[in-house]
C-alpha atoms as a PDB file:
ATOM      1  CA  GLU A   1     289.713 178.958  69.586  1.00  0.00           C
ATOM      2  CA  VAL A   2     292.491 176.861  71.093  1.00  0.00           C
ATOM      3  CA  GLN A   3     293.999 179.934  72.784  1.00  0.00           C
ATOM      4  CA  GLN A   4     290.619 180.749  74.348  1.00  0.00           C
ATOM      5  CA  VAL A   5     289.933 177.188  75.534  1.00  0.00           C
ATOM      6  CA  MET A   6     293.425 176.359  76.845  1.00  0.00           C
ATOM      7  CA  PRO A   7     293.300 178.456  80.036  1.00  0.00           C
ATOM      8  CA  ARG A   8     289.957 176.909  81.041  1.00  0.00           C
ATOM      9  CA  LEU A   9     291.223 173.438  80.206  1.00  0.00           C
ATOM     10  CA  TYR A  10     294.421 174.051  82.168  1.00  0.00           C
ATOM     11  CA  ASN A  11     292.411 175.270  85.190  1.00  0.00           C
ATOM     12  CA  ALA A  12     290.108 172.239  85.004  1.00  0.00           C
ATOM     13  CA  VAL A  13     293.074 169.855  84.885  1.00  0.00           C
ATOM     14  CA  ASP A  14     294.734 171.740  87.754  1.00  0.00           C
ATOM     15  CA  ARG A  15     291.561 171.421  89.873  1.00  0.00           C
ATOM     16  CA  ALA A  16     291.333 167.701  89.070  1.00  0.00           C
ATOM     17  CA  VAL A  17     294.968 167.164  90.061  1.00  0.00           C
ATOM     18  CA  ARG A  18     294.415 169.030  93.345  1.00  0.00           C
ATOM     19  CA  LEU A  19     291.285 166.997  94.063  1.00  0.00           C
ATOM     20  CA  CYS A  20     293.127 163.714  93.451  1.00  0.00           C
ATOM     21  CA  SER A  21     296.114 164.869  95.468  1.00  0.00           C
ATOM     22  CA  GLN A  22     294.014 165.957  98.445  1.00  0.00           C
ATOM     23  CA  THR A  23     291.961 162.775  98.334  1.00  0.00           C
ATOM     24  CA  LEU A  24     295.088 160.616  98.291  1.00  0.00           C
ATOM     25  CA  ASP A  25     296.618 162.697 101.078  1.00  0.00           C
ATOM     26  CA  TYR A  26     293.490 162.225 103.160  1.00  0.00           C
ATOM     27  CA  VAL A  27     293.393 158.477 102.601  1.00  0.00           C
ATOM     28  CA  SER A  28     297.112 158.095 103.294  1.00  0.00           C
ATOM     29  CA  SER A  29     296.878 160.186 106.466  1.00  0.00           C
ATOM     30  CA  SER A  30     294.129 158.018 107.947  1.00  0.00           C
ATOM     31  CA  ASP A  31     296.795 155.859 109.565  1.00  0.00           C
ATOM     32  CA  LEU A  32     299.295 158.526 110.598  1.00  0.00           C
ATOM     33  CA  LYS A  33     302.617 157.241 111.802  1.00  0.00           C
ATOM     34  CA  LEU A  34     304.015 160.210 113.654  1.00  0.00           C
ATOM     35  CA  ARG A  35     307.674 160.794 114.334  1.00  0.00           C
ATOM     36  CA  PRO A  36     307.462 163.393 117.097  1.00  0.00           C
ATOM     37  CA  GLU A  37     310.457 165.491 118.008  1.00  0.00           C
ATOM     38  CA  PRO A  38     310.888 168.942 119.505  1.00  0.00           C
ATOM     39  CA  PHE A  39     311.410 171.789 117.022  1.00  0.00           C
ATOM     40  CA  HIS A  40     311.090 175.566 116.846  1.00  0.00           C
ATOM     41  CA  LEU A  41     307.635 176.413 115.555  1.00  0.00           C
ATOM     42  CA  GLN A  42     308.832 179.702 114.069  1.00  0.00           C
ATOM     43  CA  GLU A  43     311.144 177.874 111.633  1.00  0.00           C
ATOM     44  CA  LEU A  44     308.343 175.596 110.440  1.00  0.00           C
ATOM     45  CA  LEU A  45     306.063 178.587 109.886  1.00  0.00           C
ATOM     46  CA  VAL A  46     308.772 180.328 107.857  1.00  0.00           C
ATOM     47  CA  GLU A  47     308.763 177.270 105.582  1.00  0.00           C
ATOM     48  CA  VAL A  48     304.963 177.442 105.272  1.00  0.00           C
ATOM     49  CA  GLY A  49     305.211 181.107 104.266  1.00  0.00           C
ATOM     50  CA  VAL A  50     307.802 180.288 101.607  1.00  0.00           C
ATOM     51  CA  ALA A  51     305.646 177.455 100.252  1.00  0.00           C
ATOM     52  CA  LEU A  52     302.675 179.822  99.981  1.00  0.00           C
ATOM     53  CA  ARG A  53     304.711 182.338  97.969  1.00  0.00           C
ATOM     54  CA  GLU A  54     306.064 179.628  95.685  1.00  0.00           C
ATOM     55  CA  GLY A  55     302.675 177.914  95.238  1.00  0.00           C
ATOM     56  CA  LEU A  56     300.669 177.719  92.034  1.00  0.00           C
ATOM     57  CA  SER A  57     297.824 179.859  93.313  1.00  0.00           C
ATOM     58  CA  GLU A  58     297.249 183.175  91.577  1.00  0.00           C
ATOM     59  CA  GLN A  59     296.021 184.667  94.862  1.00  0.00           C
ATOM     60  CA  THR A  60     298.611 186.390  96.970  1.00  0.00           C
ATOM     61  CA  MET A  61     298.388 186.741 100.712  1.00  0.00           C
ATOM     62  CA  GLU A  62     300.629 188.462 103.218  1.00  0.00           C
ATOM     63  CA  TRP A  63     301.996 185.928 105.732  1.00  0.00           C
ATOM     64  CA  ASN A  64     302.864 187.422 109.138  1.00  0.00           C
ATOM     65  CA  ASN A  65     304.797 185.011 111.339  1.00  0.00           C
ATOM     66  CA  GLY A  66     304.743 186.569 114.807  1.00  0.00           C
ATOM     67  CA  VAL A  67     305.854 183.422 116.642  1.00  0.00           C
ATOM     68  CA  ALA A  68     308.867 183.872 118.932  1.00  0.00           C
ATOM     69  CA  PHE A  69     311.869 181.669 118.256  1.00  0.00           C
ATOM     70  CA  ASP A  70     311.749 180.046 121.698  1.00  0.00           C
ATOM     71  CA  VAL A  71     308.297 178.464 121.117  1.00  0.00           C
ATOM     72  CA  THR A  72     309.157 174.784 120.817  1.00  0.00           C
ATOM     73  CA  VAL A  73     306.488 172.237 119.970  1.00  0.00           C
ATOM     74  CA  ILE A  74     306.741 168.463 120.030  1.00  0.00           C
ATOM     75  CA  GLY A  75     305.437 166.797 116.914  1.00  0.00           C
ATOM     76  CA  ASP A  76     306.008 165.353 113.488  1.00  0.00           C
ATOM     77  CA  ARG A  77     307.408 168.308 111.582  1.00  0.00           C
ATOM     78  CA  HIS A  78     306.329 167.010 108.151  1.00  0.00           C
ATOM     79  CA  GLN A  79     302.736 166.377 109.227  1.00  0.00           C
ATOM     80  CA  LEU A  80     302.417 169.677 111.068  1.00  0.00           C
ATOM     81  CA  PHE A  81     303.723 171.461 107.967  1.00  0.00           C
ATOM     82  CA  ARG A  82     300.807 169.887 106.061  1.00  0.00           C
ATOM     83  CA  ALA A  83     298.334 171.039 108.701  1.00  0.00           C
ATOM     84  CA  PHE A  84     299.503 174.661 108.821  1.00  0.00           C
ATOM     85  CA  HIS A  85     299.903 174.808 105.037  1.00  0.00           C
ATOM     86  CA  ASN A  86     296.341 173.533 104.523  1.00  0.00           C
ATOM     87  CA  ILE A  87     294.922 176.152 106.886  1.00  0.00           C
ATOM     88  CA  ALA A  88     296.911 178.901 105.175  1.00  0.00           C
ATOM     89  CA  LEU A  89     295.830 177.713 101.712  1.00  0.00           C
ATOM     90  CA  ASN A  90     292.194 177.840 102.798  1.00  0.00           C
ATOM     91  CA  ALA A  91     292.628 181.461 103.883  1.00  0.00           C
ATOM     92  CA  GLN A  92     294.484 182.301 100.674  1.00  0.00           C
ATOM     93  CA  MET A  93     291.865 180.666  98.437  1.00  0.00           C
ATOM     94  CA  ALA A  94     289.110 182.518 100.323  1.00  0.00           C
ATOM     95  CA  ASP A  95     290.774 185.772  99.226  1.00  0.00           C
ATOM     96  CA  ALA A  96     292.256 186.727 102.572  1.00  0.00           C
ATOM     97  CA  GLY A  97     294.808 189.486 102.089  1.00  0.00           C
ATOM     98  CA  ARG A  98     296.715 188.682 105.259  1.00  0.00           C
ATOM     99  CA  LEU A  99     297.186 185.816 107.701  1.00  0.00           C
ATOM    100  CA  MET A 100     298.811 186.500 111.061  1.00  0.00           C
ATOM    101  CA  VAL A 101     300.202 183.701 113.227  1.00  0.00           C
ATOM    102  CA  SER A 102     301.082 184.097 116.899  1.00  0.00           C
ATOM    103  CA  ALA A 103     301.756 181.660 119.725  1.00  0.00           C
ATOM    104  CA  ARG A 104     302.071 181.484 123.457  1.00  0.00           C
ATOM    105  CA  VAL A 105     303.176 178.659 125.741  1.00  0.00           C
ATOM    106  CA  SER A 106     301.479 177.858 129.020  1.00  0.00           C
ATOM    107  CA  GLY A 107     302.882 174.860 130.847  1.00  0.00           C
ATOM    108  CA  ASP A 108     303.318 172.107 128.291  1.00  0.00           C
ATOM    109  CA  VAL A 109     300.823 173.478 125.728  1.00  0.00           C
ATOM    110  CA  ALA A 110     301.455 175.849 122.847  1.00  0.00           C
ATOM    111  CA  SER A 111     298.407 177.826 121.748  1.00  0.00           C
ATOM    112  CA  ILE A 112     298.769 179.036 118.163  1.00  0.00           C
ATOM    113  CA  ASP A 113     296.372 181.626 116.743  1.00  0.00           C
ATOM    114  CA  LEU A 114     295.879 181.954 112.986  1.00  0.00           C
ATOM    115  CA  VAL A 115     293.961 185.134 112.164  1.00  0.00           C
ATOM    116  CA  ASP A 116     293.034 186.088 108.603  1.00  0.00           C
ATOM    117  CA  ASP A 117     291.220 189.094 107.190  1.00  0.00           C
ATOM    118  CA  GLY A 118     289.160 187.132 104.680  1.00  0.00           C
ATOM    119  CA  PRO A 119     285.392 187.216 104.188  1.00  0.00           C
ATOM    120  CA  GLY A 120     284.666 184.610 106.881  1.00  0.00           C
ATOM    121  CA  LEU A 121     283.236 181.131 106.570  1.00  0.00           C
ATOM    122  CA  PRO A 122     279.706 180.589 105.268  1.00  0.00           C
ATOM    123  CA  ASP A 123     277.179 178.948 107.613  1.00  0.00           C
ATOM    124  CA  LYS A 124     277.119 175.730 105.552  1.00  0.00           C
ATOM    125  CA  THR A 125     280.895 175.431 105.834  1.00  0.00           C
ATOM    126  CA  ARG A 126     280.833 175.993 109.609  1.00  0.00           C
ATOM    127  CA  GLU A 127     278.246 173.237 110.054  1.00  0.00           C
ATOM    128  CA  HIS A 128     280.528 170.667 108.394  1.00  0.00           C
ATOM    129  CA  LEU A 129     283.915 172.221 109.104  1.00  0.00           C
ATOM    130  CA  PHE A 130     285.864 169.067 109.908  1.00  0.00           C
ATOM    131  CA  GLU A 131     283.796 166.568 107.891  1.00  0.00           C
ATOM    132  CA  PRO A 132     285.432 165.146 104.753  1.00  0.00           C
ATOM    133  CA  PHE A 133     283.983 166.242 101.403  1.00  0.00           C
ATOM    134  CA  ALA A 134     281.325 168.364 103.110  1.00  0.00           C
ATOM    135  CA  GLY A 135     282.974 171.536 104.384  1.00  0.00           C
ATOM    136  CA  SER A 136     284.238 173.259 101.240  1.00  0.00           C
ATOM    137  CA  SER A 137     283.143 176.836 100.657  1.00  0.00           C
ATOM    138  CA  ARG A 138     284.861 177.095  97.254  1.00  0.00           C
ATOM    139  CA  LYS A 139     283.622 175.877  93.926  1.00  0.00           C
ATOM    140  CA  GLY A 140     285.836 172.931  93.060  1.00  0.00           C
ATOM    141  CA  GLY A 141     287.054 172.577  96.649  1.00  0.00           C
ATOM    142  CA  THR A 142     287.218 169.139  98.217  1.00  0.00           C
ATOM    143  CA  GLY A 143     286.473 170.064 101.787  1.00  0.00           C
ATOM    144  CA  LEU A 144     289.573 168.133 102.846  1.00  0.00           C
ATOM    145  CA  GLY A 145     292.073 170.861 103.749  1.00  0.00           C
ATOM    146  CA  LEU A 146     290.751 171.539 107.242  1.00  0.00           C
ATOM    147  CA  VAL A 147     289.801 167.885 107.763  1.00  0.00           C
ATOM    148  CA  ILE A 148     293.398 166.817 107.134  1.00  0.00           C
ATOM    149  CA  ALA A 149     294.699 169.618 109.381  1.00  0.00           C
ATOM    150  CA  HIS A 150     292.239 168.597 112.114  1.00  0.00           C
ATOM    151  CA  ASP A 151     293.187 164.917 111.927  1.00  0.00           C
ATOM    152  CA  ILE A 152     296.919 165.704 112.069  1.00  0.00           C
ATOM    153  CA  ILE A 153     296.531 168.013 115.048  1.00  0.00           C
ATOM    154  CA  VAL A 154     294.318 165.553 116.948  1.00  0.00           C
ATOM    155  CA  ALA A 155     296.819 162.738 116.217  1.00  0.00           C
ATOM    156  CA  HIS A 156     299.397 164.898 118.018  1.00  0.00           C
ATOM    157  CA  GLY A 157     297.189 165.073 121.107  1.00  0.00           C
ATOM    158  CA  GLY A 158     296.189 168.617 120.214  1.00  0.00           C
ATOM    159  CA  ARG A 159     293.066 170.396 119.130  1.00  0.00           C
ATOM    160  CA  ILE A 160     291.915 172.984 116.612  1.00  0.00           C
ATOM    161  CA  ASP A 161     289.004 175.306 117.277  1.00  0.00           C
ATOM    162  CA  LEU A 162     287.247 177.894 115.161  1.00  0.00           C
ATOM    163  CA  MET A 163     287.273 180.871 117.519  1.00  0.00           C
ATOM    164  CA  LYS A 164     285.405 183.348 115.325  1.00  0.00           C
ATOM    165  CA  THR A 165     284.480 184.029 111.740  1.00  0.00           C
ATOM    166  CA  GLY A 166     282.725 186.881 110.011  1.00  0.00           C
ATOM    167  CA  GLU A 167     283.191 189.759 107.613  1.00  0.00           C
ATOM    168  CA  ALA A 168     286.319 190.862 109.492  1.00  0.00           C
ATOM    169  CA  GLY A 169     288.004 187.462 109.049  1.00  0.00           C
ATOM    170  CA  THR A 170     288.467 184.075 110.639  1.00  0.00           C
ATOM    171  CA  THR A 171     290.453 182.973 113.688  1.00  0.00           C
ATOM    172  CA  PHE A 172     291.532 179.419 114.436  1.00  0.00           C
ATOM    173  CA  CYS A 173     293.316 178.384 117.629  1.00  0.00           C
ATOM    174  CA  ILE A 174     295.509 175.285 117.614  1.00  0.00           C
ATOM    175  CA  GLN A 175     296.848 173.696 120.778  1.00  0.00           C
ATOM    176  CA  LEU A 176     299.859 171.374 120.572  1.00  0.00           C
ATOM    177  CA  PRO A 177     302.231 169.747 123.058  1.00  0.00           C
ATOM    178  CA  ALA A 178     305.163 172.037 123.801  1.00  0.00           C
ATOM    179  CA  LEU A 179     308.277 172.292 125.892  1.00  0.00           C
ATOM    180  CA  HIS A 180     308.189 174.570 128.885  1.00  0.00           C
ATOM    181  CA  VAL A 181     309.800 177.854 127.920  1.00  0.00           C
ATOM    182  CA  ASP A 182     312.673 177.262 130.348  1.00  0.00           C
ATOM    183  CA  GLU A 183     313.418 173.680 129.140  1.00  0.00           C
ATOM    184  CA  PRO A 184     316.365 173.498 126.765  1.00  0.00           C
ATOM    185  CA  LEU A 185     315.704 171.851 123.424  1.00  0.00           C
ATOM    186  CA  LEU A 186     318.698 169.508 123.788  1.00  0.00           C
ATOM    187  CA  ASP A 187     317.358 167.821 126.920  1.00  0.00           C
ATOM    188  CA  MET A 188     314.611 166.070 124.927  1.00  0.00           C
ATOM    189  CA  GLU A 189     316.841 163.292 123.580  1.00  0.00           C
END
């Protein structure tokens, strides 16, 4: 009996820990103190991909980082890691098999597209996408992953938009402050 109950108990405890962790993260991020600096977005996204592979989730998802090395954003690297990781986790937990990330710079704005091949977002989730505790489409989900990502991106002077969602997948576009392509990274000091 214990062997049959243990996996369910372990999963319940794991969900409770994630709920507490996300709730605390949300509360602690309500007064974000950003430390913006220029950095190569590609390197940050490599770290997100590694974190996804090393995560506790049983779901696996292919992470395609198609961002060129010269795309340099200005932001708090730690906070933006949280934002991108949360978005990727949402795709992974929704059973997306692949998430592709690409970026382009126009003037002083980097536009980053995150395109997954998951089942799309339900109508109820879309209605409350960036509202805390209301936008989860998963049983046991908190509805905080995208809210936290949204708040972090907005705190950077950026924006996140749901571009499309459906049976073929979901696409988000994030806009963040960036260096002009021809500006050297060292001149930002």
